[in-house]
Amino acid sequence: MAGRRIVISGYGWCGKGVAARARGLGAQVIITEVNPIAALEAAMDGFSVMPMKAAAEIGDIFITVTGNKHIIRKEHFEAMKDGAMVCNSGHFDIELDLVTLEKLTAKKTPDVRREVDEYKLKNGKRIYVIGSGRLVNLAAAEGHPPSVMDMSFATQALATEYCVQNKGKLKPAVHTVPVEIEHYVATQKLASMGITIDKLTKDQEEYMNAWAHGT
């Protein structure tokens, strides 16, 4: 990874994590975004930010983590350098427009390396797709670590319990997980790691909830 230009599409929680790890491995990280706040955060975190059209021409490795579809499309595949590697770690395989990539391809060679397919385009360039465009940490590695999934599953289980307990009270809609549940899971996780944190004093709580002081 060292010295390579890694293009990460999406600077949400997943994108931030991927970008941090890529930088830790010595990569030159480029972020593409559609959200101006997320793009500004990436810039302030020290990453290059540009449209995918520009990034496609200079990137070595592309990782989509957006949760949307067709993040990397025809015009991007055509602009990529020979030997570019593409993978997805955000959503289903539709983050990459693989149907169109197939149409651009003169010859496809599956498994040139484990979980790596080579697409030789009609323009002569080669693009390597890792894990068939599916979640790369599942398709081409060993999956999510238990130390992360325990929090996810705990939150899901408690959110399900919350829905059952509030049957008939919740309108059909997408509801945010109550912050009390998230705090409970985080507190339990910290305890399991042997980590303790500070607590606000009563005076501090009153100050935070007051409007008479501060800016």
Protein backbone atom coordinates (compact mmCIF):
# COMPACT_ATOMS: atom_id res chain seq x y z
CA MET A 1 0.00 0.00 0.00
CA ALA A 2 2.88 2.37 0.72
CA GLY A 3 3.08 5.16 -1.83
CA ARG A 4 0.01 4.07 -3.76
CA ARG A 5 -2.90 6.36 -4.46
CA ILE A 6 -5.93 4.83 -2.78
CA VAL A 7 -9.27 6.37 -3.74
CA ILE A 8 -11.99 5.99 -1.12
CA SER A 9 -15.55 6.87 -2.12
CA GLY A 10 -17.57 8.01 0.86
CA TYR A 11 -16.34 9.61 4.08
CA GLY A 12 -18.88 8.31 6.56
CA TRP A 13 -17.94 6.09 9.48
CA CYS A 14 -16.73 3.29 7.19
CA GLY A 15 -14.87 5.64 4.87
CA LYS A 16 -13.15 7.36 7.78
CA GLY A 17 -11.94 4.03 9.10
CA VAL A 18 -10.68 2.83 5.73
CA ALA A 19 -8.95 6.16 5.10
CA ALA A 20 -7.22 6.11 8.49
CA ARG A 21 -5.95 2.56 7.97
CA ALA A 22 -4.81 3.31 4.42
CA ARG A 23 -2.87 6.36 5.63
CA GLY A 24 -1.36 4.23 8.38
CA LEU A 25 -0.05 1.86 5.69
CA GLY A 26 1.64 4.75 3.92
CA ALA A 27 -0.87 5.30 1.12
CA GLN A 28 -1.65 8.60 -0.55
CA VAL A 29 -5.38 8.80 0.22
CA ILE A 30 -7.93 10.51 -2.01
CA ILE A 31 -11.54 10.96 -0.92
CA THR A 32 -14.53 11.39 -3.23
CA GLU A 33 -17.79 12.68 -1.77
CA VAL A 34 -21.18 14.22 -2.61
CA ASN A 35 -21.81 15.63 0.87
CA PRO A 36 -20.09 19.00 1.36
CA ILE A 37 -19.78 18.54 5.13
CA ALA A 38 -18.20 15.11 4.78
CA ALA A 39 -15.90 16.44 2.05
CA LEU A 40 -14.83 19.31 4.31
CA GLU A 41 -14.16 16.88 7.15
CA ALA A 42 -11.95 14.80 4.84
CA ALA A 43 -10.04 17.89 3.73
CA MET A 44 -9.57 19.04 7.32
CA ASP A 45 -8.35 15.55 8.22
CA GLY A 46 -5.57 16.04 5.68
CA PHE A 47 -6.85 14.00 2.75
CA SER A 48 -7.06 15.05 -0.90
CA VAL A 49 -10.65 15.54 -2.04
CA MET A 50 -11.80 15.53 -5.65
CA PRO A 51 -14.55 14.19 -7.95
CA MET A 52 -14.37 10.55 -8.99
CA LYS A 53 -13.84 11.65 -12.60
CA ALA A 54 -10.51 13.22 -11.61
CA ALA A 55 -9.56 10.49 -9.15
CA ALA A 56 -10.19 7.75 -11.71
CA GLU A 57 -7.29 8.96 -13.82
CA ILE A 58 -4.68 8.79 -11.05
CA GLY A 59 -5.84 6.16 -8.56
CA ASP A 60 -4.18 2.78 -8.08
CA ILE A 61 -6.74 1.20 -5.75
CA PHE A 62 -10.42 2.14 -5.49
CA ILE A 63 -12.62 1.32 -2.50
CA THR A 64 -16.31 2.26 -2.40
CA VAL A 65 -17.96 2.69 1.00
CA THR A 66 -21.09 4.72 0.26
CA GLY A 67 -24.19 2.52 0.52
CA ASN A 68 -25.34 3.77 -2.89
CA LYS A 69 -25.25 2.34 -6.40
CA HIS A 70 -22.99 2.81 -9.43
CA ILE A 71 -20.37 4.88 -7.64
CA ILE A 72 -17.80 3.68 -10.17
CA ARG A 73 -19.32 3.75 -13.64
CA LYS A 74 -18.45 3.47 -17.34
CA GLU A 75 -16.65 6.79 -17.60
CA HIS A 76 -14.57 5.97 -14.53
CA PHE A 77 -13.55 2.49 -15.68
CA GLU A 78 -12.51 3.89 -19.05
CA ALA A 79 -10.37 6.58 -17.41
CA MET A 80 -8.51 4.24 -15.04
CA LYS A 81 -4.87 3.37 -15.55
CA ASP A 82 -3.78 -0.10 -16.61
CA GLY A 83 -3.71 -2.40 -13.60
CA ALA A 84 -6.09 -0.44 -11.39
CA MET A 85 -7.68 -2.45 -8.58
CA VAL A 86 -11.31 -1.97 -7.58
CA CYS A 87 -13.29 -3.24 -4.61
CA ASN A 88 -16.32 -2.42 -2.47
CA SER A 89 -16.68 -2.40 1.30
CA GLY A 90 -19.85 -0.40 1.76
CA HIS A 91 -22.93 -2.03 0.31
CA PHE A 92 -23.91 -4.66 -2.24
CA ASP A 93 -21.94 -5.25 -5.42
CA ILE A 94 -24.01 -2.58 -7.18
CA GLU A 95 -21.69 0.11 -5.83
CA LEU A 96 -19.58 -0.93 -8.81
CA ASP A 97 -21.33 -0.93 -12.19
CA LEU A 98 -20.09 -4.41 -13.05
CA VAL A 99 -22.74 -4.94 -15.74
CA THR A 100 -21.28 -2.08 -17.73
CA LEU A 101 -17.73 -3.22 -16.96
CA GLU A 102 -18.57 -6.57 -18.56
CA LYS A 103 -19.70 -4.74 -21.71
CA LEU A 104 -16.42 -2.82 -21.84
CA THR A 105 -14.42 -6.03 -21.48
CA ALA A 106 -12.77 -7.94 -24.29
CA LYS A 107 -11.62 -10.79 -22.05
CA LYS A 108 -12.37 -11.69 -18.45
CA THR A 109 -10.06 -13.99 -16.50
CA PRO A 110 -11.55 -15.17 -13.19
CA ASP A 111 -9.32 -15.81 -10.19
CA VAL A 112 -5.98 -14.61 -11.54
CA ARG A 113 -5.31 -14.60 -7.83
CA ARG A 114 -7.68 -15.77 -5.12
CA GLU A 115 -10.84 -13.64 -5.28
CA VAL A 116 -9.32 -11.38 -7.95
CA ASP A 117 -10.83 -11.23 -11.45
CA GLU A 118 -9.03 -9.58 -14.34
CA TYR A 119 -11.03 -7.55 -16.85
CA LYS A 120 -9.08 -6.73 -19.99
CA LEU A 121 -10.93 -3.86 -21.59
CA LYS A 122 -11.38 -3.28 -25.29
CA ASN A 123 -9.05 -0.30 -24.95
CA GLY A 124 -6.28 -2.68 -23.82
CA LYS A 125 -6.21 -1.67 -20.15
CA ARG A 126 -6.65 -4.19 -17.35
CA ILE A 127 -8.83 -3.68 -14.29
CA TYR A 128 -8.79 -6.03 -11.32
CA VAL A 129 -11.99 -6.51 -9.32
CA ILE A 130 -11.58 -7.97 -5.84
CA GLY A 131 -14.24 -10.18 -4.26
CA SER A 132 -16.61 -9.88 -7.26
CA GLY A 133 -17.53 -6.41 -6.04
CA ARG A 134 -19.11 -7.74 -2.87
CA LEU A 135 -18.08 -6.65 0.63
CA VAL A 136 -14.35 -7.19 0.33
CA ASN A 137 -13.77 -7.96 4.00
CA LEU A 138 -16.30 -10.79 3.73
CA ALA A 139 -15.71 -12.01 0.17
CA ALA A 140 -11.91 -11.85 0.12
CA ALA A 141 -10.91 -11.96 3.78
CA GLU A 142 -12.22 -13.49 7.00
CA GLY A 143 -15.18 -11.26 7.76
CA HIS A 144 -15.96 -8.79 10.50
CA PRO A 145 -14.01 -9.20 13.75
CA PRO A 146 -16.09 -10.33 16.76
CA SER A 147 -14.76 -7.33 18.71
CA VAL A 148 -16.81 -5.09 16.40
CA MET A 149 -19.81 -7.28 15.67
CA ASP A 150 -20.65 -7.81 19.35
CA MET A 151 -21.58 -4.13 19.59
CA SER A 152 -23.59 -4.25 16.38
CA PHE A 153 -25.57 -7.32 17.38
CA ALA A 154 -26.14 -6.02 20.90
CA THR A 155 -27.54 -2.78 19.51
CA GLN A 156 -29.78 -4.66 17.08
CA ALA A 157 -31.09 -6.96 19.81
CA LEU A 158 -31.84 -4.09 22.20
CA ALA A 159 -33.43 -2.04 19.40
CA THR A 160 -35.68 -5.02 18.61
CA GLU A 161 -36.63 -5.27 22.28
CA TYR A 162 -37.40 -1.54 22.27
CA CYS A 163 -39.73 -1.98 19.28
CA VAL A 164 -41.57 -4.83 21.02
CA GLN A 165 -41.90 -2.84 24.24
CA ASN A 166 -43.29 0.12 22.30
CA LYS A 167 -45.67 -1.84 20.09
CA GLY A 168 -48.49 0.37 18.92
CA LYS A 169 -46.70 3.55 19.98
CA LEU A 170 -44.30 3.88 17.06
CA LYS A 171 -45.54 5.17 13.72
CA PRO A 172 -44.42 3.37 10.53
CA ALA A 173 -41.15 5.16 9.75
CA VAL A 174 -37.39 4.89 10.07
CA HIS A 175 -36.60 5.57 13.73
CA THR A 176 -33.25 6.48 15.24
CA VAL A 177 -31.96 4.04 17.82
CA PRO A 178 -32.54 5.66 21.23
CA VAL A 179 -29.34 7.19 22.55
CA GLU A 180 -29.85 5.36 25.85
CA ILE A 181 -29.39 2.04 24.04
CA GLU A 182 -26.22 3.22 22.31
CA HIS A 183 -24.81 4.55 25.57
CA TYR A 184 -25.62 1.27 27.34
CA VAL A 185 -23.86 -0.80 24.67
CA ALA A 186 -20.85 1.52 24.67
CA THR A 187 -20.65 1.39 28.47
CA GLN A 188 -20.74 -2.40 28.50
CA LYS A 189 -18.10 -2.57 25.77
CA LEU A 190 -15.79 -0.23 27.67
CA ALA A 191 -16.23 -2.34 30.80
CA SER A 192 -15.33 -5.50 28.88
CA MET A 193 -12.12 -3.76 27.74
CA GLY A 194 -11.26 -2.70 31.27
CA ILE A 195 -11.69 0.99 30.42
CA THR A 196 -13.23 3.53 32.77
CA ILE A 197 -14.15 7.12 31.95
CA ASP A 198 -15.01 10.29 33.82
CA LYS A 199 -18.51 11.43 34.80
CA LEU A 200 -19.90 14.93 34.81
CA THR A 201 -20.31 16.55 38.19
CA LYS A 202 -23.71 17.96 39.09
CA ASP A 203 -22.26 21.45 38.66
CA GLN A 204 -21.03 20.55 35.17
CA GLU A 205 -24.41 19.11 34.16
CA GLU A 206 -26.15 22.28 35.30
CA TYR A 207 -23.64 24.40 33.37
CA MET A 208 -24.14 22.38 30.16
CA ASN A 209 -27.92 22.78 30.38
CA ALA A 210 -27.85 26.48 31.22
CA TRP A 211 -27.94 29.39 28.82
CA ALA A 212 -26.83 32.20 31.10
CA HIS A 213 -23.09 31.52 30.79
CA GLY A 214 -20.70 30.81 27.96
CA THR A 215 -20.90 31.76 24.30
